[in-house]
Amino acid sequence: MKNRERFLNTLNFKPVDRLPVIEWANWWDKTIDRWKKEGLPNDLVDPVEIRKYFGLDRVRQWWIGTKKSLRSLRWTIRRLRRYRSGPTLGS
């Protein structure tokens, strides 16, 4: 089951092969430094690579403020449409 399908099924109370494994916030520098002392390879610095190392599912998120201009709102809608019509997420 692909990440997107798993996530949508979870939100819609449909069957999944397993629950999504997602970290919603980026890690602090001190957290990564500690993980490296505990065995995280030193060459891993990119958050995407660290997620892969820990076996987390891929996730994208956009933050939309409460006072957005119409131009900014249009940009966000275009991005969401492009994301939805883009390639499916890998599992």
N, C-alpha and C. Protein backbone atom coordinates (compact mmCIF):
# COMPACT_ATOMS: atom_id res chain seq x y z
N MET A 1 0.85 -1.17 0.00
CA MET A 1 0.00 0.00 0.00
C MET A 1 0.90 1.24 0.00
N LYS A 2 0.59 2.21 -0.84
CA LYS A 2 1.40 3.42 -0.93
C LYS A 2 1.03 4.39 0.19
N ASN A 3 1.98 5.28 0.51
CA ASN A 3 1.79 6.21 1.62
C ASN A 3 0.50 7.01 1.52
N ARG A 4 0.24 7.57 0.36
CA ARG A 4 -0.95 8.42 0.17
C ARG A 4 -2.23 7.63 0.43
N GLU A 5 -2.29 6.43 -0.15
CA GLU A 5 -3.47 5.58 0.03
C GLU A 5 -3.64 5.21 1.51
N ARG A 6 -2.54 4.87 2.16
CA ARG A 6 -2.58 4.50 3.58
C ARG A 6 -3.08 5.68 4.42
N PHE A 7 -2.56 6.86 4.15
CA PHE A 7 -2.94 8.04 4.92
C PHE A 7 -4.42 8.38 4.71
N LEU A 8 -4.86 8.40 3.45
CA LEU A 8 -6.27 8.71 3.17
C LEU A 8 -7.20 7.65 3.75
N ASN A 9 -6.83 6.38 3.64
CA ASN A 9 -7.66 5.32 4.22
C ASN A 9 -7.76 5.48 5.74
N THR A 10 -6.66 5.85 6.38
CA THR A 10 -6.68 6.05 7.82
C THR A 10 -7.65 7.18 8.18
N LEU A 11 -7.58 8.29 7.45
CA LEU A 11 -8.47 9.42 7.72
C LEU A 11 -9.94 9.08 7.48
N ASN A 12 -10.18 8.16 6.56
CA ASN A 12 -11.55 7.79 6.21
C ASN A 12 -12.01 6.48 6.86
N PHE A 13 -11.27 6.01 7.85
CA PHE A 13 -11.64 4.80 8.61
C PHE A 13 -11.78 3.57 7.71
N LYS A 14 -10.92 3.47 6.70
CA LYS A 14 -10.90 2.31 5.81
C LYS A 14 -9.71 1.42 6.21
N PRO A 15 -9.71 0.17 5.75
CA PRO A 15 -8.61 -0.75 6.11
C PRO A 15 -7.26 -0.27 5.58
N VAL A 16 -6.22 -0.51 6.37
CA VAL A 16 -4.84 -0.20 5.97
C VAL A 16 -3.95 -1.39 6.32
N ASP A 17 -2.79 -1.46 5.66
CA ASP A 17 -1.84 -2.54 5.96
C ASP A 17 -1.10 -2.27 7.28
N ARG A 18 -0.93 -0.99 7.60
CA ARG A 18 -0.34 -0.57 8.87
C ARG A 18 -0.67 0.90 9.06
N LEU A 19 -0.49 1.41 10.26
CA LEU A 19 -0.74 2.83 10.49
C LEU A 19 0.38 3.66 9.87
N PRO A 20 0.07 4.89 9.43
CA PRO A 20 1.13 5.77 8.92
C PRO A 20 2.15 6.08 10.02
N VAL A 21 3.40 6.17 9.64
CA VAL A 21 4.47 6.51 10.56
C VAL A 21 4.99 7.88 10.13
N ILE A 22 4.55 8.91 10.85
CA ILE A 22 4.84 10.28 10.43
C ILE A 22 5.34 11.09 11.61
N GLU A 23 6.39 11.87 11.39
CA GLU A 23 6.85 12.85 12.36
C GLU A 23 6.41 14.21 11.83
N TRP A 24 5.55 14.90 12.56
CA TRP A 24 4.93 16.13 12.06
C TRP A 24 5.83 17.35 12.14
N ALA A 25 6.84 17.34 12.97
CA ALA A 25 7.69 18.51 13.14
C ALA A 25 9.14 18.15 12.81
N ASN A 26 9.87 19.12 12.32
CA ASN A 26 11.30 18.90 12.08
C ASN A 26 12.03 18.80 13.41
N TRP A 27 13.19 18.19 13.38
CA TRP A 27 13.95 17.96 14.59
C TRP A 27 14.86 19.14 14.87
N TRP A 28 15.14 19.35 16.14
CA TRP A 28 16.07 20.39 16.54
C TRP A 28 17.49 19.93 16.30
N ASP A 29 18.40 20.89 16.17
CA ASP A 29 19.81 20.56 15.97
C ASP A 29 20.33 19.69 17.10
N LYS A 30 19.94 20.00 18.32
CA LYS A 30 20.42 19.23 19.47
C LYS A 30 19.91 17.79 19.44
N THR A 31 18.70 17.60 18.90
CA THR A 31 18.16 16.24 18.77
C THR A 31 19.01 15.43 17.80
N ILE A 32 19.33 16.02 16.66
CA ILE A 32 20.15 15.31 15.66
C ILE A 32 21.54 15.04 16.21
N ASP A 33 22.13 16.01 16.92
CA ASP A 33 23.44 15.79 17.53
C ASP A 33 23.40 14.62 18.51
N ARG A 34 22.34 14.53 19.30
CA ARG A 34 22.22 13.42 20.25
C ARG A 34 22.08 12.08 19.52
N TRP A 35 21.23 12.08 18.45
CA TRP A 35 21.06 10.84 17.69
C TRP A 35 22.38 10.38 17.09
N LYS A 36 23.21 11.32 16.64
CA LYS A 36 24.52 10.95 16.07
C LYS A 36 25.40 10.33 17.14
N LYS A 37 25.33 10.83 18.35
CA LYS A 37 26.09 10.23 19.46
C LYS A 37 25.57 8.84 19.78
N GLU A 38 24.27 8.61 19.48
CA GLU A 38 23.64 7.32 19.77
C GLU A 38 23.67 6.36 18.59
N GLY A 39 24.32 6.75 17.47
CA GLY A 39 24.49 5.81 16.37
C GLY A 39 23.97 6.24 15.01
N LEU A 40 23.30 7.38 14.90
CA LEU A 40 22.87 7.88 13.59
C LEU A 40 24.11 8.20 12.76
N PRO A 41 24.20 7.69 11.53
CA PRO A 41 25.39 7.96 10.70
C PRO A 41 25.64 9.46 10.55
N ASN A 42 26.90 9.86 10.67
CA ASN A 42 27.27 11.28 10.59
C ASN A 42 26.98 11.91 9.25
N ASP A 43 26.94 11.12 8.17
CA ASP A 43 26.72 11.69 6.85
C ASP A 43 25.25 12.03 6.60
N LEU A 44 24.35 11.64 7.49
CA LEU A 44 22.93 11.98 7.33
C LEU A 44 22.67 13.35 7.94
N VAL A 45 22.40 14.33 7.07
CA VAL A 45 22.10 15.68 7.54
C VAL A 45 20.76 16.17 6.99
N ASP A 46 20.34 15.63 5.87
CA ASP A 46 19.09 16.04 5.23
C ASP A 46 17.90 15.39 5.95
N PRO A 47 16.88 16.19 6.32
CA PRO A 47 15.71 15.61 7.01
C PRO A 47 15.05 14.47 6.24
N VAL A 48 15.03 14.54 4.91
CA VAL A 48 14.43 13.47 4.10
C VAL A 48 15.21 12.18 4.29
N GLU A 49 16.53 12.27 4.28
CA GLU A 49 17.37 11.08 4.46
C GLU A 49 17.23 10.51 5.88
N ILE A 50 17.09 11.40 6.86
CA ILE A 50 16.90 10.94 8.25
C ILE A 50 15.56 10.21 8.37
N ARG A 51 14.51 10.74 7.71
CA ARG A 51 13.21 10.06 7.72
C ARG A 51 13.32 8.67 7.12
N LYS A 52 14.05 8.57 5.99
CA LYS A 52 14.23 7.26 5.35
C LYS A 52 14.97 6.31 6.29
N TYR A 53 16.00 6.81 6.96
CA TYR A 53 16.79 5.99 7.88
C TYR A 53 15.91 5.39 8.98
N PHE A 54 14.99 6.19 9.51
CA PHE A 54 14.11 5.73 10.58
C PHE A 54 12.87 5.00 10.06
N GLY A 55 12.70 4.94 8.73
CA GLY A 55 11.56 4.23 8.17
C GLY A 55 10.24 4.98 8.26
N LEU A 56 10.32 6.31 8.34
CA LEU A 56 9.10 7.11 8.41
C LEU A 56 8.51 7.28 7.01
N ASP A 57 7.20 7.45 6.95
CA ASP A 57 6.53 7.70 5.67
C ASP A 57 6.79 9.12 5.20
N ARG A 58 6.76 9.31 3.90
CA ARG A 58 6.95 10.64 3.31
C ARG A 58 5.69 11.46 3.55
N VAL A 59 5.88 12.72 3.87
CA VAL A 59 4.75 13.61 4.13
C VAL A 59 5.09 15.01 3.63
N ARG A 60 4.09 15.71 3.14
CA ARG A 60 4.22 17.12 2.76
C ARG A 60 3.18 17.90 3.52
N GLN A 61 3.56 19.09 3.93
CA GLN A 61 2.59 19.92 4.63
C GLN A 61 2.80 21.38 4.23
N TRP A 62 1.70 22.08 4.18
CA TRP A 62 1.72 23.51 3.90
C TRP A 62 1.03 24.21 5.05
N TRP A 63 1.62 25.32 5.48
CA TRP A 63 1.03 26.11 6.56
C TRP A 63 0.39 27.33 5.93
N ILE A 64 -0.87 27.53 6.22
CA ILE A 64 -1.62 28.65 5.66
C ILE A 64 -2.02 29.55 6.83
N GLY A 65 -1.57 30.79 6.80
CA GLY A 65 -1.90 31.73 7.85
C GLY A 65 -3.36 32.16 7.79
N THR A 66 -3.82 32.84 8.80
CA THR A 66 -5.22 33.26 8.85
C THR A 66 -5.48 34.52 8.04
N LYS A 67 -4.44 35.31 7.73
CA LYS A 67 -4.63 36.55 6.98
C LYS A 67 -3.79 36.51 5.70
N LYS A 68 -4.22 35.72 4.75
CA LYS A 68 -3.52 35.59 3.48
C LYS A 68 -4.16 36.50 2.45
N SER A 69 -3.32 37.05 1.60
CA SER A 69 -3.87 37.85 0.51
C SER A 69 -4.46 36.92 -0.55
N LEU A 70 -5.29 37.47 -1.42
CA LEU A 70 -5.90 36.69 -2.49
C LEU A 70 -4.83 36.08 -3.38
N ARG A 71 -3.79 36.84 -3.67
CA ARG A 71 -2.69 36.33 -4.51
C ARG A 71 -2.03 35.11 -3.87
N SER A 72 -1.76 35.20 -2.59
CA SER A 72 -1.13 34.09 -1.88
C SER A 72 -2.05 32.88 -1.82
N LEU A 73 -3.34 33.12 -1.64
CA LEU A 73 -4.31 32.03 -1.61
C LEU A 73 -4.36 31.32 -2.96
N ARG A 74 -4.35 32.08 -4.05
CA ARG A 74 -4.32 31.46 -5.40
C ARG A 74 -3.08 30.61 -5.57
N TRP A 75 -1.92 31.12 -5.11
CA TRP A 75 -0.67 30.36 -5.22
C TRP A 75 -0.80 29.04 -4.47
N THR A 76 -1.37 29.08 -3.27
CA THR A 76 -1.53 27.87 -2.47
C THR A 76 -2.45 26.88 -3.17
N ILE A 77 -3.54 27.34 -3.73
CA ILE A 77 -4.47 26.46 -4.45
C ILE A 77 -3.78 25.82 -5.64
N ARG A 78 -2.99 26.59 -6.39
CA ARG A 78 -2.26 26.02 -7.54
C ARG A 78 -1.29 24.94 -7.07
N ARG A 79 -0.60 25.19 -5.96
CA ARG A 79 0.34 24.19 -5.44
C ARG A 79 -0.39 22.91 -5.03
N LEU A 80 -1.53 23.06 -4.37
CA LEU A 80 -2.29 21.88 -3.96
C LEU A 80 -2.78 21.09 -5.16
N ARG A 81 -3.26 21.79 -6.18
CA ARG A 81 -3.71 21.09 -7.41
C ARG A 81 -2.56 20.36 -8.07
N ARG A 82 -1.39 21.01 -8.14
CA ARG A 82 -0.22 20.38 -8.75
C ARG A 82 0.20 19.17 -7.93
N TYR A 83 0.12 19.27 -6.60
CA TYR A 83 0.48 18.16 -5.73
C TYR A 83 -0.48 16.98 -5.93
N ARG A 84 -1.77 17.27 -6.00
CA ARG A 84 -2.75 16.21 -6.16
C ARG A 84 -2.66 15.52 -7.51
N SER A 85 -2.28 16.27 -8.55
CA SER A 85 -2.21 15.67 -9.88
C SER A 85 -0.81 15.10 -10.17
N GLY A 86 0.13 15.28 -9.24
CA GLY A 86 1.48 14.82 -9.44
C GLY A 86 1.63 13.32 -9.26
N PRO A 87 2.86 12.83 -9.25
CA PRO A 87 3.09 11.39 -9.08
C PRO A 87 2.65 10.94 -7.70
N THR A 88 2.28 9.68 -7.62
CA THR A 88 1.84 9.13 -6.33
C THR A 88 3.06 8.95 -5.45
N LEU A 89 2.85 8.98 -4.15
CA LEU A 89 3.94 8.83 -3.21
C LEU A 89 4.36 7.37 -3.13
N GLY A 90 5.65 7.17 -2.97
CA GLY A 90 6.17 5.80 -2.84
C GLY A 90 5.86 5.23 -1.48
N SER A 91 5.93 3.94 -1.37
CA SER A 91 5.66 3.32 -0.07
C SER A 91 6.94 3.08 0.67
